[in-house]
């Protein structure tokens, strides 16, 4: 988060759950830790280097086509400025702005906790 704001990104139209907003990240590859996956995904998706801190929350969610296990980290950007390499938009938002965006349903529980703690 930056001064009570957190980063969200909008999925491209051609991907599952196209045009919905989400947190940056992706699949943990074989032999990777969750932290290593976050670092790699941020480099691939946004061209930034992050330093993961503690886990804010973990969630499992079933879609009709896939079950996802999300680990949301508190982290810092230590190098670079976010660039749109895979997403179609990105925003730094406050918890008050959450209702202005349509999020992936897997993120709903996380958004609720953000509203409560921030």
PDB file of N, CA and C in Angstrom:
ATOM      1  N   UNK A   1       0.838  -1.180   0.000  1.00  0.00           N
ATOM      2  CA  UNK A   1       0.000   0.000   0.000  1.00  0.00           C
ATOM      3  C   UNK A   1       0.880   1.239   0.000  1.00  0.00           C
ATOM      4  N   UNK A   2       0.383   2.272  -0.615  1.00  0.00           N
ATOM      5  CA  UNK A   2       1.051   3.567  -0.621  1.00  0.00           C
ATOM      6  C   UNK A   2       0.079   4.575  -0.031  1.00  0.00           C
ATOM      7  N   UNK A   3       0.411   5.094   1.144  1.00  0.00           N
ATOM      8  CA  UNK A   3      -0.424   6.100   1.803  1.00  0.00           C
ATOM      9  C   UNK A   3      -1.896   5.704   1.757  1.00  0.00           C
ATOM     10  N   UNK A   4      -2.225   4.561   2.320  1.00  0.00           N
ATOM     11  CA  UNK A   4      -3.593   4.054   2.404  1.00  0.00           C
ATOM     12  C   UNK A   4      -4.192   3.666   1.052  1.00  0.00           C
ATOM     13  N   UNK A   5      -3.360   3.464   0.055  1.00  0.00           N
ATOM     14  CA  UNK A   5      -3.825   3.018  -1.257  1.00  0.00           C
ATOM     15  C   UNK A   5      -3.195   1.664  -1.562  1.00  0.00           C
ATOM     16  N   UNK A   6      -3.888   0.873  -2.360  1.00  0.00           N
ATOM     17  CA  UNK A   6      -3.335  -0.400  -2.802  1.00  0.00           C
ATOM     18  C   UNK A   6      -3.556  -0.536  -4.295  1.00  0.00           C
ATOM     19  N   UNK A   7      -2.708  -1.347  -4.931  1.00  0.00           N
ATOM     20  CA  UNK A   7      -2.703  -1.482  -6.384  1.00  0.00           C
ATOM     21  C   UNK A   7      -3.654  -2.575  -6.840  1.00  0.00           C
ATOM     22  N   UNK A   8      -4.489  -2.227  -7.826  1.00  0.00           N
ATOM     23  CA  UNK A   8      -5.348  -3.206  -8.486  1.00  0.00           C
ATOM     24  C   UNK A   8      -5.100  -3.116  -9.986  1.00  0.00           C
ATOM     25  N   UNK A   9      -5.334  -4.221 -10.683  1.00  0.00           N
ATOM     26  CA  UNK A   9      -5.115  -4.265 -12.121  1.00  0.00           C
ATOM     27  C   UNK A   9      -6.334  -4.868 -12.803  1.00  0.00           C
ATOM     28  N   UNK A  10      -6.607  -4.416 -14.031  1.00  0.00           N
ATOM     29  CA  UNK A  10      -7.762  -4.897 -14.784  1.00  0.00           C
ATOM     30  C   UNK A  10      -7.330  -5.952 -15.791  1.00  0.00           C
ATOM     31  N   UNK A  11      -8.025  -7.097 -15.745  1.00  0.00           N
ATOM     32  CA  UNK A  11      -7.706  -8.226 -16.614  1.00  0.00           C
ATOM     33  C   UNK A  11      -8.060  -7.907 -18.066  1.00  0.00           C
ATOM     34  N   UNK A  12      -7.272  -8.423 -19.017  1.00  0.00           N
ATOM     35  CA  UNK A  12      -7.593  -8.220 -20.432  1.00  0.00           C
ATOM     36  C   UNK A  12      -8.880  -8.958 -20.823  1.00  0.00           C
ATOM     37  N   UNK A  13      -9.529  -8.482 -21.866  1.00  0.00           N
ATOM     38  CA  UNK A  13     -10.810  -9.036 -22.321  1.00  0.00           C
ATOM     39  C   UNK A  13     -10.723 -10.510 -22.658  1.00  0.00           C
ATOM     40  N   UNK A  14      -9.620 -10.939 -23.258  1.00  0.00           N
ATOM     41  CA  UNK A  14      -9.510 -12.312 -23.765  1.00  0.00           C
ATOM     42  C   UNK A  14      -9.237 -13.355 -22.677  1.00  0.00           C
ATOM     43  N   UNK A  15      -8.916 -12.935 -21.483  1.00  0.00           N
ATOM     44  CA  UNK A  15      -8.669 -13.879 -20.388  1.00  0.00           C
ATOM     45  C   UNK A  15      -9.962 -14.191 -19.644  1.00  0.00           C
ATOM     46  N   UNK A  16      -9.971 -15.333 -18.955  1.00  0.00           N
ATOM     47  CA  UNK A  16     -11.109 -15.645 -18.090  1.00  0.00           C
ATOM     48  C   UNK A  16     -11.321 -14.480 -17.130  1.00  0.00           C
ATOM     49  N   UNK A  17     -12.562 -14.160 -16.860  1.00  0.00           N
ATOM     50  CA  UNK A  17     -12.920 -13.047 -16.005  1.00  0.00           C
ATOM     51  C   UNK A  17     -12.392 -11.714 -16.551  1.00  0.00           C
ATOM     52  N   UNK A  18     -12.460 -11.609 -17.886  1.00  0.00           N
ATOM     53  CA  UNK A  18     -11.994 -10.414 -18.572  1.00  0.00           C
ATOM     54  C   UNK A  18     -12.669  -9.145 -18.078  1.00  0.00           C
ATOM     55  N   UNK A  19     -11.912  -8.088 -18.052  1.00  0.00           N
ATOM     56  CA  UNK A  19     -12.308  -6.742 -17.638  1.00  0.00           C
ATOM     57  C   UNK A  19     -12.513  -6.591 -16.129  1.00  0.00           C
ATOM     58  N   UNK A  20     -12.450  -7.691 -15.359  1.00  0.00           N
ATOM     59  CA  UNK A  20     -12.594  -7.563 -13.915  1.00  0.00           C
ATOM     60  C   UNK A  20     -11.270  -7.109 -13.306  1.00  0.00           C
ATOM     61  N   UNK A  21     -11.348  -6.525 -12.129  1.00  0.00           N
ATOM     62  CA  UNK A  21     -10.173  -6.033 -11.420  1.00  0.00           C
ATOM     63  C   UNK A  21      -9.676  -7.097 -10.450  1.00  0.00           C
ATOM     64  N   UNK A  22      -8.370  -7.088 -10.207  1.00  0.00           N
ATOM     65  CA  UNK A  22      -7.748  -8.100  -9.347  1.00  0.00           C
ATOM     66  C   UNK A  22      -6.486  -7.532  -8.730  1.00  0.00           C
ATOM     67  N   UNK A  23      -5.915  -8.326  -7.823  1.00  0.00           N
ATOM     68  CA  UNK A  23      -4.597  -8.028  -7.282  1.00  0.00           C
ATOM     69  C   UNK A  23      -3.560  -8.693  -8.171  1.00  0.00           C
ATOM     70  N   UNK A  24      -2.369  -8.129  -8.226  1.00  0.00           N
ATOM     71  CA  UNK A  24      -1.299  -8.683  -9.049  1.00  0.00           C
ATOM     72  C   UNK A  24      -0.834 -10.015  -8.482  1.00  0.00           C
ATOM     73  N   UNK A  25      -0.502 -10.928  -9.346  1.00  0.00           N
ATOM     74  CA  UNK A  25       0.029 -12.214  -8.912  1.00  0.00           C
ATOM     75  C   UNK A  25      -0.307 -13.296  -9.901  1.00  0.00           C
ATOM     76  N   UNK A  26      -0.028 -14.515  -9.509  1.00  0.00           N
ATOM     77  CA  UNK A  26      -0.301 -15.635 -10.397  1.00  0.00           C
ATOM     78  C   UNK A  26       0.093 -16.944  -9.755  1.00  0.00           C
ATOM     79  N   UNK A  27       0.217 -17.930 -10.589  1.00  0.00           N
ATOM     80  CA  UNK A  27       0.485 -19.290 -10.121  1.00  0.00           C
ATOM     81  C   UNK A  27       1.897 -19.453  -9.571  1.00  0.00           C
ATOM     82  N   UNK A  28       1.981 -20.238  -8.509  1.00  0.00           N
ATOM     83  CA  UNK A  28       3.284 -20.628  -7.957  1.00  0.00           C
ATOM     84  C   UNK A  28       3.785 -21.794  -8.797  1.00  0.00           C
ATOM     85  N   UNK A  29       4.964 -21.625  -9.377  1.00  0.00           N
ATOM     86  CA  UNK A  29       5.542 -22.689 -10.201  1.00  0.00           C
ATOM     87  C   UNK A  29       6.279 -23.700  -9.335  1.00  0.00           C
ATOM     88  N   UNK A  30       6.473 -24.885  -9.880  1.00  0.00           N
ATOM     89  CA  UNK A  30       7.145 -25.957  -9.150  1.00  0.00           C
ATOM     90  C   UNK A  30       8.512 -25.471  -8.654  1.00  0.00           C
ATOM     91  N   UNK A  31       8.763 -25.704  -7.365  1.00  0.00           N
ATOM     92  CA  UNK A  31      10.032 -25.316  -6.759  1.00  0.00           C
ATOM     93  C   UNK A  31      10.073 -23.894  -6.249  1.00  0.00           C
ATOM     94  N   UNK A  32       9.004 -23.123  -6.450  1.00  0.00           N
ATOM     95  CA  UNK A  32       8.944 -21.735  -5.989  1.00  0.00           C
ATOM     96  C   UNK A  32       8.227 -21.640  -4.655  1.00  0.00           C
ATOM     97  N   UNK A  33       8.625 -20.662  -3.869  1.00  0.00           N
ATOM     98  CA  UNK A  33       7.838 -20.292  -2.694  1.00  0.00           C
ATOM     99  C   UNK A  33       6.783 -19.280  -3.150  1.00  0.00           C
ATOM    100  N   UNK A  34       5.822 -19.000  -2.289  1.00  0.00           N
ATOM    101  CA  UNK A  34       4.819 -17.983  -2.615  1.00  0.00           C
ATOM    102  C   UNK A  34       5.478 -16.620  -2.815  1.00  0.00           C
ATOM    103  N   UNK A  35       6.466 -16.337  -2.000  1.00  0.00           N
ATOM    104  CA  UNK A  35       7.175 -15.063  -2.113  1.00  0.00           C
ATOM    105  C   UNK A  35       7.915 -14.959  -3.437  1.00  0.00           C
ATOM    106  N   UNK A  36       8.588 -16.032  -3.844  1.00  0.00           N
ATOM    107  CA  UNK A  36       9.307 -16.035  -5.118  1.00  0.00           C
ATOM    108  C   UNK A  36       8.337 -15.875  -6.291  1.00  0.00           C
ATOM    109  N   UNK A  37       7.180 -16.514  -6.181  1.00  0.00           N
ATOM    110  CA  UNK A  37       6.171 -16.391  -7.240  1.00  0.00           C
ATOM    111  C   UNK A  37       5.688 -14.944  -7.354  1.00  0.00           C
ATOM    112  N   UNK A  38       5.454 -14.290  -6.218  1.00  0.00           N
ATOM    113  CA  UNK A  38       5.012 -12.896  -6.244  1.00  0.00           C
ATOM    114  C   UNK A  38       6.065 -12.007  -6.895  1.00  0.00           C
ATOM    115  N   UNK A  39       7.310 -12.193  -6.532  1.00  0.00           N
ATOM    116  CA  UNK A  39       8.400 -11.401  -7.122  1.00  0.00           C
ATOM    117  C   UNK A  39       8.438 -11.613  -8.633  1.00  0.00           C
ATOM    118  N   UNK A  40       8.388 -12.869  -9.074  1.00  0.00           N
ATOM    119  CA  UNK A  40       8.425 -13.183 -10.512  1.00  0.00           C
ATOM    120  C   UNK A  40       7.220 -12.588 -11.234  1.00  0.00           C
ATOM    121  N   UNK A  41       6.029 -12.790 -10.684  1.00  0.00           N
ATOM    122  CA  UNK A  41       4.810 -12.303 -11.328  1.00  0.00           C
ATOM    123  C   UNK A  41       4.812 -10.777 -11.447  1.00  0.00           C
ATOM    124  N   UNK A  42       5.271 -10.077 -10.417  1.00  0.00           N
ATOM    125  CA  UNK A  42       5.332  -8.615 -10.482  1.00  0.00           C
ATOM    126  C   UNK A  42       6.321  -8.143 -11.549  1.00  0.00           C
ATOM    127  N   UNK A  43       7.418  -8.880 -11.707  1.00  0.00           N
ATOM    128  CA  UNK A  43       8.365  -8.540 -12.764  1.00  0.00           C
ATOM    129  C   UNK A  43       7.749  -8.785 -14.135  1.00  0.00           C
ATOM    130  N   UNK A  44       7.071  -9.928 -14.303  1.00  0.00           N
ATOM    131  CA  UNK A  44       6.465 -10.280 -15.592  1.00  0.00           C
ATOM    132  C   UNK A  44       5.275  -9.388 -15.944  1.00  0.00           C
ATOM    133  N   UNK A  45       4.438  -9.077 -14.964  1.00  0.00           N
ATOM    134  CA  UNK A  45       3.206  -8.351 -15.231  1.00  0.00           C
ATOM    135  C   UNK A  45       3.349  -6.833 -15.175  1.00  0.00           C
ATOM    136  N   UNK A  46       4.277  -6.330 -14.347  1.00  0.00           N
ATOM    137  CA  UNK A  46       4.367  -4.889 -14.129  1.00  0.00           C
ATOM    138  C   UNK A  46       5.770  -4.305 -14.269  1.00  0.00           C
ATOM    139  N   UNK A  47       6.779  -5.146 -14.508  1.00  0.00           N
ATOM    140  CA  UNK A  47       8.169  -4.692 -14.640  1.00  0.00           C
ATOM    141  C   UNK A  47       8.675  -4.000 -13.371  1.00  0.00           C
ATOM    142  N   UNK A  48       8.247  -4.497 -12.210  1.00  0.00           N
ATOM    143  CA  UNK A  48       8.729  -3.951 -10.940  1.00  0.00           C
ATOM    144  C   UNK A  48       9.321  -5.079 -10.109  1.00  0.00           C
ATOM    145  N   UNK A  49      10.186  -4.689  -9.198  1.00  0.00           N
ATOM    146  CA  UNK A  49      10.725  -5.637  -8.227  1.00  0.00           C
ATOM    147  C   UNK A  49      10.095  -5.301  -6.883  1.00  0.00           C
ATOM    148  N   UNK A  50       9.519  -6.314  -6.258  1.00  0.00           N
ATOM    149  CA  UNK A  50       8.878  -6.109  -4.962  1.00  0.00           C
ATOM    150  C   UNK A  50       9.608  -6.894  -3.885  1.00  0.00           C
ATOM    151  N   UNK A  51       9.434  -6.432  -2.654  1.00  0.00           N
ATOM    152  CA  UNK A  51       9.929  -7.151  -1.485  1.00  0.00           C
ATOM    153  C   UNK A  51       8.711  -7.570  -0.664  1.00  0.00           C
ATOM    154  N   UNK A  52       8.379  -8.864  -0.679  1.00  0.00           N
ATOM    155  CA  UNK A  52       7.240  -9.326   0.117  1.00  0.00           C
ATOM    156  C   UNK A  52       7.550  -9.243   1.611  1.00  0.00           C
ATOM    157  N   UNK A  53       6.539  -8.850   2.379  1.00  0.00           N
ATOM    158  CA  UNK A  53       6.649  -8.820   3.828  1.00  0.00           C
ATOM    159  C   UNK A  53       5.766  -9.942   4.380  1.00  0.00           C
ATOM    160  N   UNK A  54       4.836  -9.617   5.218  1.00  0.00           N
ATOM    161  CA  UNK A  54       3.958 -10.623   5.806  1.00  0.00           C
ATOM    162  C   UNK A  54       2.754 -10.911   4.898  1.00  0.00           C
ATOM    163  N   UNK A  55       2.123 -12.063   5.130  1.00  0.00           N
ATOM    164  CA  UNK A  55       0.898 -12.401   4.410  1.00  0.00           C
ATOM    165  C   UNK A  55      -0.257 -11.669   5.080  1.00  0.00           C
ATOM    166  N   UNK A  56      -0.995 -10.906   4.300  1.00  0.00           N
ATOM    167  CA  UNK A  56      -2.159 -10.182   4.805  1.00  0.00           C
ATOM    168  C   UNK A  56      -3.337 -11.135   4.999  1.00  0.00           C
ATOM    169  N   UNK A  57      -3.487 -12.064   4.034  1.00  0.00           N
ATOM    170  CA  UNK A  57      -4.632 -12.973   4.084  1.00  0.00           C
ATOM    171  C   UNK A  57      -4.466 -14.065   3.043  1.00  0.00           C
ATOM    172  N   UNK A  58      -5.051 -15.228   3.339  1.00  0.00           N
ATOM    173  CA  UNK A  58      -5.092 -16.322   2.363  1.00  0.00           C
ATOM    174  C   UNK A  58      -6.546 -16.737   2.174  1.00  0.00           C
ATOM    175  N   UNK A  59      -6.900 -17.043   0.925  1.00  0.00           N
ATOM    176  CA  UNK A  59      -8.276 -17.373   0.559  1.00  0.00           C
ATOM    177  C   UNK A  59      -8.266 -18.471  -0.492  1.00  0.00           C
ATOM    178  N   UNK A  60      -9.232 -19.374  -0.414  1.00  0.00           N
ATOM    179  CA  UNK A  60      -9.489 -20.341  -1.490  1.00  0.00           C
ATOM    180  C   UNK A  60     -10.859 -20.018  -2.057  1.00  0.00           C
ATOM    181  N   UNK A  61     -10.968 -20.129  -3.386  1.00  0.00           N
ATOM    182  CA  UNK A  61     -12.237 -19.802  -4.043  1.00  0.00           C
ATOM    183  C   UNK A  61     -12.437 -20.726  -5.235  1.00  0.00           C
ATOM    184  N   UNK A  62     -13.662 -21.217  -5.369  1.00  0.00           N
ATOM    185  CA  UNK A  62     -14.004 -22.084  -6.501  1.00  0.00           C
ATOM    186  C   UNK A  62     -14.783 -21.313  -7.542  1.00  0.00           C
ATOM    187  N   UNK A  63     -14.225 -21.256  -8.744  1.00  0.00           N
ATOM    188  CA  UNK A  63     -14.954 -20.785  -9.916  1.00  0.00           C
ATOM    189  C   UNK A  63     -15.490 -22.030 -10.608  1.00  0.00           C
ATOM    190  N   UNK A  64     -16.300 -21.881 -11.628  1.00  0.00           N
ATOM    191  CA  UNK A  64     -16.818 -23.051 -12.334  1.00  0.00           C
ATOM    192  C   UNK A  64     -15.711 -23.781 -13.108  1.00  0.00           C
ATOM    193  N   UNK A  65     -14.660 -23.056 -13.469  1.00  0.00           N
ATOM    194  CA  UNK A  65     -13.601 -23.653 -14.294  1.00  0.00           C
ATOM    195  C   UNK A  65     -12.291 -23.906 -13.544  1.00  0.00           C
ATOM    196  N   UNK A  66     -12.150 -23.366 -12.335  1.00  0.00           N
ATOM    197  CA  UNK A  66     -10.879 -23.494 -11.629  1.00  0.00           C
ATOM    198  C   UNK A  66     -11.072 -23.167 -10.140  1.00  0.00           C
ATOM    199  N   UNK A  67     -10.260 -23.772  -9.309  1.00  0.00           N
ATOM    200  CA  UNK A  67     -10.196 -23.398  -7.896  1.00  0.00           C
ATOM    201  C   UNK A  67      -8.880 -22.666  -7.685  1.00  0.00           C
ATOM    202  N   UNK A  68      -8.955 -21.498  -7.055  1.00  0.00           N
ATOM    203  CA  UNK A  68      -7.751 -20.699  -6.819  1.00  0.00           C
ATOM    204  C   UNK A  68      -7.477 -20.588  -5.326  1.00  0.00           C
ATOM    205  N   UNK A  69      -6.212 -20.538  -4.990  1.00  0.00           N
ATOM    206  CA  UNK A  69      -5.749 -20.320  -3.620  1.00  0.00           C
ATOM    207  C   UNK A  69      -4.919 -19.036  -3.648  1.00  0.00           C
ATOM    208  N   UNK A  70      -5.422 -18.005  -3.023  1.00  0.00           N
ATOM    209  CA  UNK A  70      -4.766 -16.699  -3.059  1.00  0.00           C
ATOM    210  C   UNK A  70      -4.056 -16.414  -1.749  1.00  0.00           C
ATOM    211  N   UNK A  71      -2.845 -15.902  -1.858  1.00  0.00           N
ATOM    212  CA  UNK A  71      -2.086 -15.407  -0.710  1.00  0.00           C
ATOM    213  C   UNK A  71      -1.774 -13.949  -1.002  1.00  0.00           C
ATOM    214  N   UNK A  72      -2.379 -13.060  -0.251  1.00  0.00           N
ATOM    215  CA  UNK A  72      -2.164 -11.633  -0.459  1.00  0.00           C
ATOM    216  C   UNK A  72      -1.106 -11.159   0.523  1.00  0.00           C
ATOM    217  N   UNK A  73      -0.010 -10.621  -0.020  1.00  0.00           N
ATOM    218  CA  UNK A  73       1.106 -10.150   0.793  1.00  0.00           C
ATOM    219  C   UNK A  73       1.085  -8.639   0.933  1.00  0.00           C
ATOM    220  N   UNK A  74       1.537  -8.157   2.064  1.00  0.00           N
ATOM    221  CA  UNK A  74       1.963  -6.770   2.176  1.00  0.00           C
ATOM    222  C   UNK A  74       3.361  -6.754   1.574  1.00  0.00           C
ATOM    223  N   UNK A  75       3.625  -5.804   0.697  1.00  0.00           N
ATOM    224  CA  UNK A  75       4.957  -5.756   0.087  1.00  0.00           C
ATOM    225  C   UNK A  75       5.308  -4.332  -0.296  1.00  0.00           C
ATOM    226  N   UNK A  76       6.562  -4.133  -0.620  1.00  0.00           N
ATOM    227  CA  UNK A  76       7.074  -2.829  -1.041  1.00  0.00           C
ATOM    228  C   UNK A  76       7.649  -2.942  -2.434  1.00  0.00           C
ATOM    229  N   UNK A  77       7.463  -1.902  -3.219  1.00  0.00           N
ATOM    230  CA  UNK A  77       8.140  -1.817  -4.514  1.00  0.00           C
ATOM    231  C   UNK A  77       9.543  -1.294  -4.231  1.00  0.00           C
ATOM    232  N   UNK A  78      10.561  -2.088  -4.591  1.00  0.00           N
ATOM    233  CA  UNK A  78      11.929  -1.653  -4.319  1.00  0.00           C
ATOM    234  C   UNK A  78      12.658  -1.195  -5.582  1.00  0.00           C
ATOM    235  N   UNK A  79      12.055  -1.484  -6.751  1.00  0.00           N
ATOM    236  CA  UNK A  79      12.678  -1.022  -7.990  1.00  0.00           C
ATOM    237  C   UNK A  79      11.637  -0.945  -9.097  1.00  0.00           C
ATOM    238  N   UNK A  80      11.651   0.170  -9.826  1.00  0.00           N
ATOM    239  CA  UNK A  80      10.805   0.336 -10.998  1.00  0.00           C
ATOM    240  C   UNK A  80       9.492   1.042 -10.713  1.00  0.00           C
ATOM    241  N   UNK A  81       8.830   1.387 -11.788  1.00  0.00           N
ATOM    242  CA  UNK A  81       7.493   1.978 -11.768  1.00  0.00           C
ATOM    243  C   UNK A  81       6.562   1.006 -12.488  1.00  0.00           C
ATOM    244  N   UNK A  82       5.395   0.709 -11.932  1.00  0.00           N
ATOM    245  CA  UNK A  82       4.498  -0.255 -12.577  1.00  0.00           C
ATOM    246  C   UNK A  82       4.155   0.129 -14.015  1.00  0.00           C
ATOM    247  N   UNK A  83       4.236  -0.861 -14.892  1.00  0.00           N
ATOM    248  CA  UNK A  83       3.906  -0.705 -16.309  1.00  0.00           C
ATOM    249  C   UNK A  83       2.870  -1.752 -16.684  1.00  0.00           C
ATOM    250  N   UNK A  84       2.012  -1.426 -17.627  1.00  0.00           N
ATOM    251  CA  UNK A  84       0.985  -2.359 -18.084  1.00  0.00           C
ATOM    252  C   UNK A  84       1.563  -3.305 -19.122  1.00  0.00           C
ATOM    253  N   UNK A  85       2.032  -4.468 -18.684  1.00  0.00           N
ATOM    254  CA  UNK A  85       2.586  -5.462 -19.599  1.00  0.00           C
ATOM    255  C   UNK A  85       1.576  -6.561 -19.928  1.00  0.00           C
ATOM    256  N   UNK A  86       0.668  -6.854 -18.993  1.00  0.00           N
ATOM    257  CA  UNK A  86      -0.334  -7.902 -19.207  1.00  0.00           C
ATOM    258  C   UNK A  86      -1.753  -7.424 -18.956  1.00  0.00           C
ATOM    259  N   UNK A  87      -1.920  -6.413 -18.158  1.00  0.00           N
ATOM    260  CA  UNK A  87      -3.251  -5.902 -17.826  1.00  0.00           C
ATOM    261  C   UNK A  87      -3.606  -4.739 -18.744  1.00  0.00           C
ATOM    262  N   UNK A  88      -4.890  -4.342 -18.716  1.00  0.00           N
ATOM    263  CA  UNK A  88      -5.300  -3.224 -19.572  1.00  0.00           C
ATOM    264  C   UNK A  88      -5.400  -1.899 -18.806  1.00  0.00           C
ATOM    265  N   UNK A  89      -5.381  -1.982 -17.479  1.00  0.00           N
ATOM    266  CA  UNK A  89      -5.402  -0.768 -16.666  1.00  0.00           C
ATOM    267  C   UNK A  89      -4.918  -1.112 -15.268  1.00  0.00           C
ATOM    268  N   UNK A  90      -4.514  -0.121 -14.520  1.00  0.00           N
ATOM    269  CA  UNK A  90      -4.141  -0.296 -13.115  1.00  0.00           C
ATOM    270  C   UNK A  90      -4.464   0.986 -12.380  1.00  0.00           C
ATOM    271  N   UNK A  91      -4.752   0.843 -11.100  1.00  0.00           N
ATOM    272  CA  UNK A  91      -5.100   1.987 -10.262  1.00  0.00           C
ATOM    273  C   UNK A  91      -4.579   1.759  -8.858  1.00  0.00           C
ATOM    274  N   UNK A  92      -4.174   2.849  -8.213  1.00  0.00           N
ATOM    275  CA  UNK A  92      -3.914   2.851  -6.777  1.00  0.00           C
ATOM    276  C   UNK A  92      -5.185   3.393  -6.159  1.00  0.00           C
ATOM    277  N   UNK A  93      -5.884   2.578  -5.359  1.00  0.00           N
ATOM    278  CA  UNK A  93      -7.166   3.006  -4.817  1.00  0.00           C
ATOM    279  C   UNK A  93      -7.178   2.918  -3.286  1.00  0.00           C
ATOM    280  N   UNK A  94      -8.143   3.605  -2.693  1.00  0.00           N
ATOM    281  CA  UNK A  94      -8.392   3.505  -1.260  1.00  0.00           C
ATOM    282  C   UNK A  94      -9.526   2.505  -1.040  1.00  0.00           C
ATOM    283  N   UNK A  95      -9.715   2.103   0.191  1.00  0.00           N
ATOM    284  CA  UNK A  95     -10.815   1.176   0.477  1.00  0.00           C
ATOM    285  C   UNK A  95     -12.169   1.822   0.165  1.00  0.00           C
ATOM    286  N   UNK A  96     -12.281   3.123   0.303  1.00  0.00           N
ATOM    287  CA  UNK A  96     -13.541   3.813  -0.009  1.00  0.00           C
ATOM    288  C   UNK A  96     -13.892   3.702  -1.497  1.00  0.00           C
ATOM    289  N   UNK A  97     -12.892   3.487  -2.341  1.00  0.00           N
ATOM    290  CA  UNK A  97     -13.117   3.408  -3.785  1.00  0.00           C
ATOM    291  C   UNK A  97     -13.446   1.996  -4.283  1.00  0.00           C
ATOM    292  N   UNK A  98     -13.366   1.003  -3.405  1.00  0.00           N
ATOM    293  CA  UNK A  98     -13.613  -0.390  -3.804  1.00  0.00           C
ATOM    294  C   UNK A  98     -14.934  -0.551  -4.553  1.00  0.00           C
ATOM    295  N   UNK A  99     -16.039   0.051  -4.103  1.00  0.00           N
ATOM    296  CA  UNK A  99     -17.319  -0.145  -4.805  1.00  0.00           C
ATOM    297  C   UNK A  99     -17.338   0.369  -6.255  1.00  0.00           C
ATOM    298  N   UNK A 100     -16.368   1.176  -6.628  1.00  0.00           N
ATOM    299  CA  UNK A 100     -16.312   1.714  -7.994  1.00  0.00           C
ATOM    300  C   UNK A 100     -15.760   0.724  -9.015  1.00  0.00           C
ATOM    301  N   UNK A 101     -15.319  -0.453  -8.560  1.00  0.00           N
ATOM    302  CA  UNK A 101     -14.659  -1.417  -9.439  1.00  0.00           C
ATOM    303  C   UNK A 101     -15.312  -2.788  -9.312  1.00  0.00           C
ATOM    304  N   UNK A 102     -15.387  -3.499 -10.419  1.00  0.00           N
ATOM    305  CA  UNK A 102     -15.895  -4.874 -10.424  1.00  0.00           C
ATOM    306  C   UNK A 102     -14.709  -5.815 -10.298  1.00  0.00           C
ATOM    307  N   UNK A 103     -14.628  -6.507  -9.160  1.00  0.00           N
ATOM    308  CA  UNK A 103     -13.512  -7.395  -8.867  1.00  0.00           C
ATOM    309  C   UNK A 103     -13.860  -8.844  -9.175  1.00  0.00           C
ATOM    310  N   UNK A 104     -12.821  -9.641  -9.361  1.00  0.00           N
ATOM    311  CA  UNK A 104     -12.985 -11.088  -9.441  1.00  0.00           C
ATOM    312  C   UNK A 104     -13.598 -11.536  -8.115  1.00  0.00           C
ATOM    313  N   UNK A 105     -14.520 -12.497  -8.167  1.00  0.00           N
ATOM    314  CA  UNK A 105     -15.215 -12.913  -6.948  1.00  0.00           C
ATOM    315  C   UNK A 105     -14.272 -13.521  -5.914  1.00  0.00           C
ATOM    316  N   UNK A 106     -13.145 -14.075  -6.341  1.00  0.00           N
ATOM    317  CA  UNK A 106     -12.167 -14.629  -5.393  1.00  0.00           C
ATOM    318  C   UNK A 106     -11.599 -13.555  -4.478  1.00  0.00           C
ATOM    319  N   UNK A 107     -11.658 -12.303  -4.895  1.00  0.00           N
ATOM    320  CA  UNK A 107     -11.086 -11.199  -4.124  1.00  0.00           C
ATOM    321  C   UNK A 107     -12.054 -10.595  -3.108  1.00  0.00           C
ATOM    322  N   UNK A 108     -13.318 -10.963  -3.141  1.00  0.00           N
ATOM    323  CA  UNK A 108     -14.324 -10.321  -2.293  1.00  0.00           C
ATOM    324  C   UNK A 108     -14.005 -10.411  -0.799  1.00  0.00           C
ATOM    325  N   UNK A 109     -13.584 -11.575  -0.339  1.00  0.00           N
ATOM    326  CA  UNK A 109     -13.262 -11.733   1.086  1.00  0.00           C
ATOM    327  C   UNK A 109     -12.065 -10.865   1.474  1.00  0.00           C
ATOM    328  N   UNK A 110     -11.090 -10.792   0.581  1.00  0.00           N
ATOM    329  CA  UNK A 110      -9.909  -9.949   0.815  1.00  0.00           C
ATOM    330  C   UNK A 110     -10.318  -8.487   0.891  1.00  0.00           C
ATOM    331  N   UNK A 111     -11.169  -8.060  -0.023  1.00  0.00           N
ATOM    332  CA  UNK A 111     -11.629  -6.669  -0.032  1.00  0.00           C
ATOM    333  C   UNK A 111     -12.373  -6.330   1.250  1.00  0.00           C
ATOM    334  N   UNK A 112     -13.155  -7.269   1.746  1.00  0.00           N
ATOM    335  CA  UNK A 112     -13.857  -7.054   3.017  1.00  0.00           C
ATOM    336  C   UNK A 112     -12.897  -6.847   4.170  1.00  0.00           C
ATOM    337  N   UNK A 113     -11.825  -7.632   4.212  1.00  0.00           N
ATOM    338  CA  UNK A 113     -10.835  -7.483   5.279  1.00  0.00           C
ATOM    339  C   UNK A 113     -10.075  -6.165   5.125  1.00  0.00           C
ATOM    340  N   UNK A 114      -9.776  -5.772   3.893  1.00  0.00           N
ATOM    341  CA  UNK A 114      -9.118  -4.488   3.670  1.00  0.00           C
ATOM    342  C   UNK A 114      -9.974  -3.349   4.192  1.00  0.00           C
ATOM    343  N   UNK A 115     -11.268  -3.385   3.892  1.00  0.00           N
ATOM    344  CA  UNK A 115     -12.174  -2.341   4.374  1.00  0.00           C
ATOM    345  C   UNK A 115     -12.180  -2.272   5.900  1.00  0.00           C
ATOM    346  N   UNK A 116     -12.135  -3.425   6.538  1.00  0.00           N
ATOM    347  CA  UNK A 116     -12.195  -3.498   7.999  1.00  0.00           C
ATOM    348  C   UNK A 116     -10.914  -2.971   8.646  1.00  0.00           C
ATOM    349  N   UNK A 117      -9.746  -3.360   8.086  1.00  0.00           N
ATOM    350  CA  UNK A 117      -8.464  -3.027   8.721  1.00  0.00           C
ATOM    351  C   UNK A 117      -7.850  -1.711   8.265  1.00  0.00           C
ATOM    352  N   UNK A 118      -8.319  -1.180   7.166  1.00  0.00           N
ATOM    353  CA  UNK A 118      -7.674   0.046   6.652  1.00  0.00           C
ATOM    354  C   UNK A 118      -8.560   1.242   6.874  1.00  0.00           C
TER     355      UNK A 118
END
